[in-house]
Each structure stands twice: as C-alpha cells, then as structure tokens.
Amino acid sequence: MDRFDAMQAFARVVETGSFTKAADTLHMSKTSVTQLVQQLEARLRVRLLNRTTRKVNVTADGAVYYERVLRLLADMDDAETSLSSAAAVPRGRLRVDVPSPLARMILAPALPAFHARYPDIQLDMGVSDRMVDIIGENVDCVVRGGELTDQSLIARRVGDLQLRVYAAPSYLQHAGKPVHPADLEDSHHRIVGFLWSRTGKPLPYAMRRGDESVHAQGRYIVAMDDGNAYLAAGLAGMGILWLPDYMALEHSARGELVPVFEDWKLDPMPLYIAYPPNRHVSAKLRVFIEWVAELMAEHAPLMRPGA
C-alpha cells in the first residue's frame, strides 16, 4: 500500500462523501479507492468511515485523522515545491472555474502571458455560470460575481464590476427608449432575464437617482443562465440588459448597444476568488489568484469606500 495514495483517497472520500465521486476526481477506479481506504483502516486498526448503501460518513476517529491527513498532505506539497527551482517556478495541475464572459473576454486572451510567466502550470479551466461544488468536483478555486452565500469558503475580493443598463438599437426602435425603470413594467417593454444559479430565477436590480431608489425587475420572454448567451440575446434585440462595463464596452463603442437610464446608478457587483478552507493554498493557486487580481485591477478595479 502506498500510504500517500491511501491518505489522499481517504481525504477525497471524506470531502466528496462518496467513493464513486472520490474515484472520479482522482482519476482512479472505485475499486482502487475502496481498497486503499480498507488497507489504511487495516493498518491503523480503526474504522475511519461508516458505509451504507446510500452514503459514507466519517467516524469520530476518522474526523480526527482527516484533519491530521490534511496537514500532512499540505506539508508534503510544500516540501516538493520548496525543492530546487519549484518554489520560484510554480508547477502542477490547477483546476479552476470561472464565469463564461470573464473567460472569453478577459482571462482567455491573457493566457499566453500567464503561460509565459508560469510554463509549468497545467490549467484546467471550467467555464460556466453555474454553482460549482468546489469540494465534490475537486476544484481548487472559483471566480464568481455577486455576494457569496457560502460562508464556509475563503474568499478574496479581486474586483468591482460596474453595472450599467443597455439595449440594442433594434429593440429601442421597436419598443422605444424607457425613461424610468418603472417603465419596464409596461407591457410593451421587456428585459433579457439572467437566471442566477443560486436562485434559478432573475433578480431585481437596485437603482438609485438622487433620493429615489427602485428595484427594477421587468418582464421577459427569454431568460439565460449563461452570460455569453445573455449578451447575445440582448444584441439580437430580445430585451434590456444589465451588463458590467467589460462586457458592454466594445459593443457600445460600435453602436451595437445603447445606454439606458444613464442618470441612474447601480451598486457595483463584487468579484471574488473563493476556495475551501481546507484546501492548501499552493504556489500555483497563489500565483493564479494574483494574476486574476492584476487583470481585474485593469478591467474592473476595486472601488474605494464611498466612491
């Protein structure tokens, strides 16, 4: 039995709550993971996991051992990365998940510079706007816009997305230009709905003008759960959009989107990088976080309090 493989398999089963999910994230067979954990239990002469047909629960002894294993695995990773040039040149596979528009418009175009700086990092980038199970899917970190609802995650705020309201000229020609957010409730106006992953439905936007404050909701005939598709529907004239500046900039410059409610303000949307508290912040994860922070300082800088 390879004790490192056995400890890693045990830790992953605890994190995912499943031998099958653990095997998938480790790219091993379920049988191999099961045998490793059984061999580990035999060596320690203690039951680490309680198994039923539906789920796997960690025992009291297993929970104590799990915390020790996490520290040991982190120390081993530190030991490896501290040898020779590894400390100066982060290396290894890094799994991240990022919003689709951010990947297409900001991160992907900057990847050549990232690779030139860190040629030994293999980056697995999931691109989606869905809610990702960081532990269950074995993701090192996620980049997400909006306030985080999972308080168990460690998060760093790396940017503030300034939001504005836009519509395609074809939509305005058909429906007219609304002058007040309340106009969106009229039957002849519509929005493009964005389905937020944590609620599965569009959310109202808080808008302010002087002492006046409204929560604009609007009606929609199409709603999307992907940012790129949401933008495409707006460009096609399907309704009014709320967009961060980086998504609208080029289209607005080309006249493909027209600002609406220009005298109204919206609070910026915070952008976070989040990772589990039990996930070791390796050199490769640390430099990725710094790289994203550098990019967002250019495209969506953090706003000072009161700005």
Protein backbone atom coordinates (compact mmCIF):
# COMPACT_ATOMS: atom_id res chain seq x y z
CA MET A 1 0.00 0.00 0.00
CA ASP A 2 1.24 3.45 -0.90
CA ARG A 3 0.45 5.43 2.25
CA PHE A 4 0.35 8.75 0.38
CA ASP A 5 -2.19 7.40 -2.15
CA ALA A 6 -4.21 5.86 0.67
CA MET A 7 -4.33 9.09 2.67
CA GLN A 8 -5.22 11.08 -0.43
CA ALA A 9 -8.01 8.62 -1.30
CA PHE A 10 -9.38 8.73 2.25
CA ALA A 11 -9.34 12.55 2.32
CA ARG A 12 -11.14 12.75 -1.00
CA VAL A 13 -13.84 10.30 0.12
CA VAL A 14 -14.45 12.43 3.23
CA GLU A 15 -14.64 15.62 1.14
CA THR A 16 -16.97 14.21 -1.52
CA GLY A 17 -18.96 11.85 0.71
CA SER A 18 -18.72 9.16 -1.93
CA PHE A 19 -16.25 6.53 -3.10
CA THR A 20 -17.51 6.99 -6.66
CA LYS A 21 -17.02 10.78 -6.66
CA ALA A 22 -13.64 10.43 -5.00
CA ALA A 23 -12.55 7.95 -7.66
CA ASP A 24 -13.70 10.30 -10.43
CA THR A 25 -11.75 13.26 -9.07
CA LEU A 26 -8.64 11.14 -8.52
CA HIS A 27 -8.93 9.51 -11.96
CA MET A 28 -8.93 6.08 -10.34
CA SER A 29 -11.38 3.19 -10.26
CA LYS A 30 -13.86 2.95 -7.40
CA THR A 31 -12.38 -0.44 -6.55
CA SER A 32 -8.89 1.03 -6.18
CA VAL A 33 -10.12 3.81 -3.90
CA THR A 34 -12.09 1.33 -1.80
CA GLN A 35 -9.08 -0.98 -1.44
CA LEU A 36 -6.78 1.89 -0.46
CA VAL A 37 -9.14 3.03 2.30
CA GLN A 38 -9.63 -0.55 3.52
CA GLN A 39 -5.86 -1.08 3.63
CA LEU A 40 -5.44 2.18 5.52
CA GLU A 41 -8.05 1.12 8.09
CA ALA A 42 -6.36 -2.28 8.45
CA ARG A 43 -3.00 -0.64 9.04
CA LEU A 44 -4.42 1.79 11.62
CA ARG A 45 -6.69 -0.88 13.14
CA VAL A 46 -9.56 1.58 13.35
CA ARG A 47 -12.69 2.24 11.31
CA LEU A 48 -12.40 5.60 9.56
CA LEU A 49 -15.66 5.56 7.60
CA ASN A 50 -19.18 4.28 8.12
CA ARG A 51 -20.58 2.96 4.85
CA THR A 52 -24.22 2.47 3.88
CA THR A 53 -25.81 1.80 0.53
CA ARG A 54 -26.65 5.49 0.17
CA LYS A 55 -23.85 7.49 1.74
CA VAL A 56 -20.49 7.47 3.51
CA ASN A 57 -19.97 9.18 6.86
CA VAL A 58 -16.71 9.77 8.66
CA THR A 59 -16.38 8.26 12.13
CA ALA A 60 -15.19 10.23 15.16
CA ASP A 61 -11.73 8.65 14.82
CA GLY A 62 -11.85 9.29 11.08
CA ALA A 63 -12.61 13.00 11.58
CA VAL A 64 -9.59 13.41 13.84
CA TYR A 65 -7.40 11.50 11.40
CA TYR A 66 -8.75 13.53 8.46
CA GLU A 67 -7.56 16.80 10.00
CA ARG A 68 -4.08 15.31 10.51
CA VAL A 69 -4.04 13.95 6.97
CA LEU A 70 -4.86 17.37 5.51
CA ARG A 71 -1.87 18.90 7.29
CA LEU A 72 0.39 16.05 6.19
CA LEU A 73 -0.67 16.36 2.55
CA ALA A 74 -0.17 20.13 2.67
CA ASP A 75 3.28 19.69 4.23
CA MET A 76 4.23 17.19 1.54
CA ASP A 77 3.14 19.60 -1.15
CA ASP A 78 5.17 22.37 0.47
CA ALA A 79 8.18 20.08 0.68
CA GLU A 80 8.01 19.24 -3.00
CA THR A 81 7.53 22.81 -4.15
CA SER A 82 10.37 24.05 -1.94
CA LEU A 83 12.96 21.85 -3.65
CA SER A 84 15.26 23.11 -6.42
CA SER A 85 13.52 25.66 -8.61
CA ALA A 86 9.96 24.58 -7.78
CA ALA A 87 9.49 27.35 -5.22
CA ALA A 88 10.40 30.01 -7.78
CA VAL A 89 8.55 28.29 -10.63
CA PRO A 90 5.09 27.06 -9.52
CA ARG A 91 4.13 23.85 -11.23
CA GLY A 92 1.39 21.25 -11.44
CA ARG A 93 -2.25 20.93 -12.37
CA LEU A 94 -4.66 23.66 -11.24
CA ARG A 95 -8.43 23.25 -11.55
CA VAL A 96 -10.48 26.47 -11.60
CA ASP A 97 -13.99 27.50 -12.62
CA VAL A 98 -14.77 30.97 -13.97
CA PRO A 99 -17.79 32.80 -15.46
CA SER A 100 -18.10 32.34 -19.20
CA PRO A 101 -17.96 36.06 -20.24
CA LEU A 102 -14.96 36.69 -17.99
CA ALA A 103 -13.16 33.72 -19.53
CA ARG A 104 -13.94 34.76 -23.11
CA MET A 105 -13.26 38.48 -22.83
CA ILE A 106 -10.53 38.83 -20.19
CA LEU A 107 -8.91 35.61 -18.97
CA ALA A 108 -8.51 33.60 -22.19
CA PRO A 109 -6.92 36.46 -24.17
CA ALA A 110 -4.40 36.92 -21.33
CA LEU A 111 -3.48 33.22 -21.05
CA PRO A 112 -0.38 33.45 -23.29
CA ALA A 113 1.17 35.89 -20.81
CA PHE A 114 0.22 33.64 -17.89
CA HIS A 115 1.76 30.61 -19.60
CA ALA A 116 4.92 32.55 -20.43
CA ARG A 117 5.25 33.51 -16.77
CA TYR A 118 4.32 30.07 -15.38
CA PRO A 119 5.05 27.48 -18.09
CA ASP A 120 4.89 24.53 -15.66
CA ILE A 121 1.29 25.12 -14.55
CA GLN A 122 -1.31 22.96 -16.28
CA LEU A 123 -4.56 24.94 -16.10
CA ASP A 124 -7.91 23.11 -16.23
CA MET A 125 -10.43 25.94 -16.62
CA GLY A 126 -14.10 25.15 -16.28
CA VAL A 127 -16.14 27.88 -17.96
CA SER A 128 -19.70 28.27 -16.69
CA ASP A 129 -22.08 30.47 -14.74
CA ARG A 130 -23.47 27.58 -12.68
CA MET A 131 -22.97 26.92 -8.98
CA VAL A 132 -19.94 24.65 -8.67
CA ASP A 133 -19.46 22.11 -5.88
CA ILE A 134 -15.84 23.02 -5.16
CA ILE A 135 -15.07 20.02 -2.98
CA GLY A 136 -17.24 17.47 -4.76
CA GLU A 137 -15.83 18.40 -8.16
CA ASN A 138 -12.27 18.78 -6.83
CA VAL A 139 -11.92 22.40 -7.96
CA ASP A 140 -9.08 24.43 -6.47
CA CYS A 141 -10.89 27.77 -6.72
CA VAL A 142 -13.78 29.57 -8.41
CA VAL A 143 -14.16 33.13 -9.67
CA ARG A 144 -17.67 34.45 -9.10
CA GLY A 145 -19.58 37.72 -9.26
CA GLY A 146 -22.07 38.77 -6.59
CA GLU A 147 -22.09 38.34 -2.84
CA LEU A 148 -21.04 34.86 -1.75
CA THR A 149 -23.70 32.88 0.07
CA ASP A 150 -21.44 30.02 1.18
CA GLN A 151 -19.77 31.46 4.27
CA SER A 152 -17.61 28.35 4.67
CA LEU A 153 -15.42 29.40 1.75
CA ILE A 154 -12.37 31.61 1.99
CA ALA A 155 -12.78 34.48 -0.46
CA ARG A 156 -10.72 37.35 -1.75
CA ARG A 157 -12.42 40.29 -3.43
CA VAL A 158 -10.45 40.97 -6.61
CA GLY A 159 -12.66 43.44 -8.45
CA ASP A 160 -15.84 45.51 -8.59
CA LEU A 161 -17.94 45.17 -11.73
CA GLN A 162 -19.57 48.49 -12.57
CA LEU A 163 -23.05 47.76 -13.94
CA ARG A 164 -24.99 49.79 -16.49
CA VAL A 165 -28.19 49.27 -18.47
CA TYR A 166 -28.19 48.77 -22.24
CA ALA A 167 -30.41 47.86 -25.14
CA ALA A 168 -29.81 47.09 -28.81
CA PRO A 169 -30.89 49.75 -31.34
CA SER A 170 -33.31 47.22 -32.88
CA TYR A 171 -35.07 46.83 -29.54
CA LEU A 172 -35.32 50.60 -28.96
CA GLN A 173 -36.64 51.13 -32.47
CA HIS A 174 -39.41 48.65 -31.76
CA ALA A 175 -40.28 49.41 -28.13
CA GLY A 176 -39.00 52.95 -27.62
CA LYS A 177 -36.47 54.12 -25.04
CA PRO A 178 -37.68 53.86 -21.43
CA VAL A 179 -37.02 56.94 -19.32
CA HIS A 180 -37.72 55.48 -15.85
CA PRO A 181 -37.05 51.95 -14.50
CA ALA A 182 -40.77 51.68 -13.71
CA ASP A 183 -41.39 51.77 -17.47
CA LEU A 184 -40.03 48.22 -17.63
CA GLU A 185 -43.25 47.02 -16.04
CA ASP A 186 -45.23 48.25 -19.08
CA SER A 187 -46.49 45.55 -21.40
CA HIS A 188 -44.53 46.80 -24.40
CA HIS A 189 -41.14 46.64 -22.65
CA ARG A 190 -39.14 43.53 -21.81
CA ILE A 191 -35.79 42.54 -20.38
CA VAL A 192 -33.50 39.64 -21.05
CA GLY A 193 -33.63 37.62 -17.85
CA PHE A 194 -30.49 36.21 -16.24
CA LEU A 195 -31.09 33.04 -14.22
CA TRP A 196 -28.82 33.21 -11.18
CA SER A 197 -27.51 29.80 -10.22
CA ARG A 198 -28.25 30.17 -6.50
CA THR A 199 -31.93 31.04 -7.07
CA GLY A 200 -32.72 29.76 -10.56
CA LYS A 201 -34.57 32.97 -11.43
CA PRO A 202 -33.89 36.59 -12.41
CA LEU A 203 -33.30 39.02 -9.56
CA PRO A 204 -34.32 42.70 -9.37
CA TYR A 205 -31.61 45.33 -9.66
CA ALA A 206 -31.36 48.16 -7.14
CA MET A 207 -31.14 51.50 -8.97
CA ARG A 208 -30.69 54.97 -7.46
CA ARG A 209 -31.11 58.54 -8.68
CA GLY A 210 -30.65 61.18 -6.02
CA ASP A 211 -33.02 60.30 -3.18
CA GLU A 212 -35.08 57.98 -5.38
CA SER A 213 -34.48 54.24 -5.19
CA VAL A 214 -36.21 51.45 -7.12
CA HIS A 215 -35.76 47.71 -7.64
CA ALA A 216 -36.12 47.14 -11.37
CA GLN A 217 -37.46 43.73 -12.31
CA GLY A 218 -39.22 43.90 -15.67
CA ARG A 219 -40.81 41.22 -17.80
CA TYR A 220 -39.03 38.75 -20.03
CA ILE A 221 -39.83 36.29 -22.78
CA VAL A 222 -36.39 34.68 -22.62
CA ALA A 223 -34.00 34.12 -19.71
CA MET A 224 -30.48 32.65 -19.80
CA ASP A 225 -28.17 31.05 -17.24
CA ASP A 226 -25.02 31.81 -19.26
CA GLY A 227 -23.50 35.27 -19.57
CA ASN A 228 -22.40 34.92 -23.18
CA ALA A 229 -25.86 33.75 -24.26
CA TYR A 230 -27.43 36.55 -22.20
CA LEU A 231 -25.36 39.14 -24.05
CA ALA A 232 -26.12 37.56 -27.43
CA ALA A 233 -29.86 37.69 -26.76
CA GLY A 234 -29.59 41.38 -25.89
CA LEU A 235 -27.61 42.14 -29.03
CA ALA A 236 -30.33 40.37 -31.01
CA GLY A 237 -32.89 42.82 -29.61
CA MET A 238 -34.66 40.48 -27.20
CA GLY A 239 -34.75 42.99 -24.36
CA ILE A 240 -32.92 45.32 -21.99
CA LEU A 241 -29.69 44.18 -20.34
CA TRP A 242 -27.75 44.89 -17.14
CA LEU A 243 -24.08 44.47 -18.00
CA PRO A 244 -20.68 45.06 -16.40
CA ASP A 245 -18.56 47.54 -18.32
CA TYR A 246 -16.09 44.95 -19.62
CA MET A 247 -18.92 43.06 -21.38
CA ALA A 248 -20.51 46.14 -22.94
CA LEU A 249 -17.51 48.32 -23.82
CA GLU A 250 -16.76 47.16 -27.38
CA HIS A 251 -20.41 46.70 -28.34
CA SER A 252 -21.28 50.16 -27.06
CA ALA A 253 -18.36 51.69 -28.97
CA ARG A 254 -19.61 50.06 -32.18
CA GLY A 255 -23.17 51.25 -31.60
CA GLU A 256 -24.47 47.71 -31.08
CA LEU A 257 -25.66 48.62 -27.58
CA VAL A 258 -27.13 51.93 -26.41
CA PRO A 259 -27.02 53.06 -22.74
CA VAL A 260 -30.37 53.33 -20.99
CA PHE A 261 -31.20 55.11 -17.69
CA GLU A 262 -27.90 56.99 -17.83
CA ASP A 263 -28.82 59.21 -14.88
CA TRP A 264 -29.43 56.19 -12.64
CA LYS A 265 -26.70 54.41 -10.67
CA LEU A 266 -26.29 50.78 -9.70
CA ASP A 267 -24.12 49.39 -6.95
CA PRO A 268 -21.06 47.59 -8.33
CA MET A 269 -21.08 43.79 -8.31
CA PRO A 270 -18.19 42.37 -6.28
CA LEU A 271 -15.98 39.77 -7.95
CA TYR A 272 -14.44 37.11 -5.71
CA ILE A 273 -11.99 34.25 -5.91
CA ALA A 274 -13.08 31.58 -3.44
CA TYR A 275 -11.60 28.29 -2.27
CA PRO A 276 -12.33 25.81 0.54
CA PRO A 277 -10.80 26.49 3.96
CA ASN A 278 -9.24 23.01 3.96
CA ARG A 279 -7.63 23.47 0.55
CA HIS A 280 -3.92 24.18 0.81
CA VAL A 281 -3.00 27.45 -0.90
CA SER A 282 -0.23 26.08 -3.06
CA ALA A 283 2.22 28.19 -5.02
CA LYS A 284 0.29 27.54 -8.23
CA LEU A 285 -3.02 28.62 -6.68
CA ARG A 286 -1.40 31.69 -5.12
CA VAL A 287 0.03 32.95 -8.43
CA PHE A 288 -3.27 32.31 -10.22
CA ILE A 289 -5.12 34.41 -7.66
CA GLU A 290 -2.57 37.22 -8.04
CA TRP A 291 -2.79 37.01 -11.83
CA VAL A 292 -6.60 37.37 -11.79
CA ALA A 293 -6.30 40.25 -9.32
CA GLU A 294 -3.85 42.01 -11.66
CA LEU A 295 -6.22 41.63 -14.61
CA MET A 296 -9.21 42.89 -12.68
CA ALA A 297 -7.24 45.89 -11.41
CA GLU A 298 -7.09 46.87 -15.09
CA HIS A 299 -10.61 45.93 -16.18
CA ALA A 300 -12.72 46.28 -13.00
CA PRO A 301 -10.68 47.86 -10.18
CA LEU A 302 -11.80 47.71 -6.59
CA MET A 303 -13.74 50.83 -5.65
CA ARG A 304 -12.77 52.79 -2.56
CA PRO A 305 -15.43 53.00 0.19
CA GLY A 306 -17.72 55.90 -0.55
CA ALA A 307 -16.59 56.18 -4.16
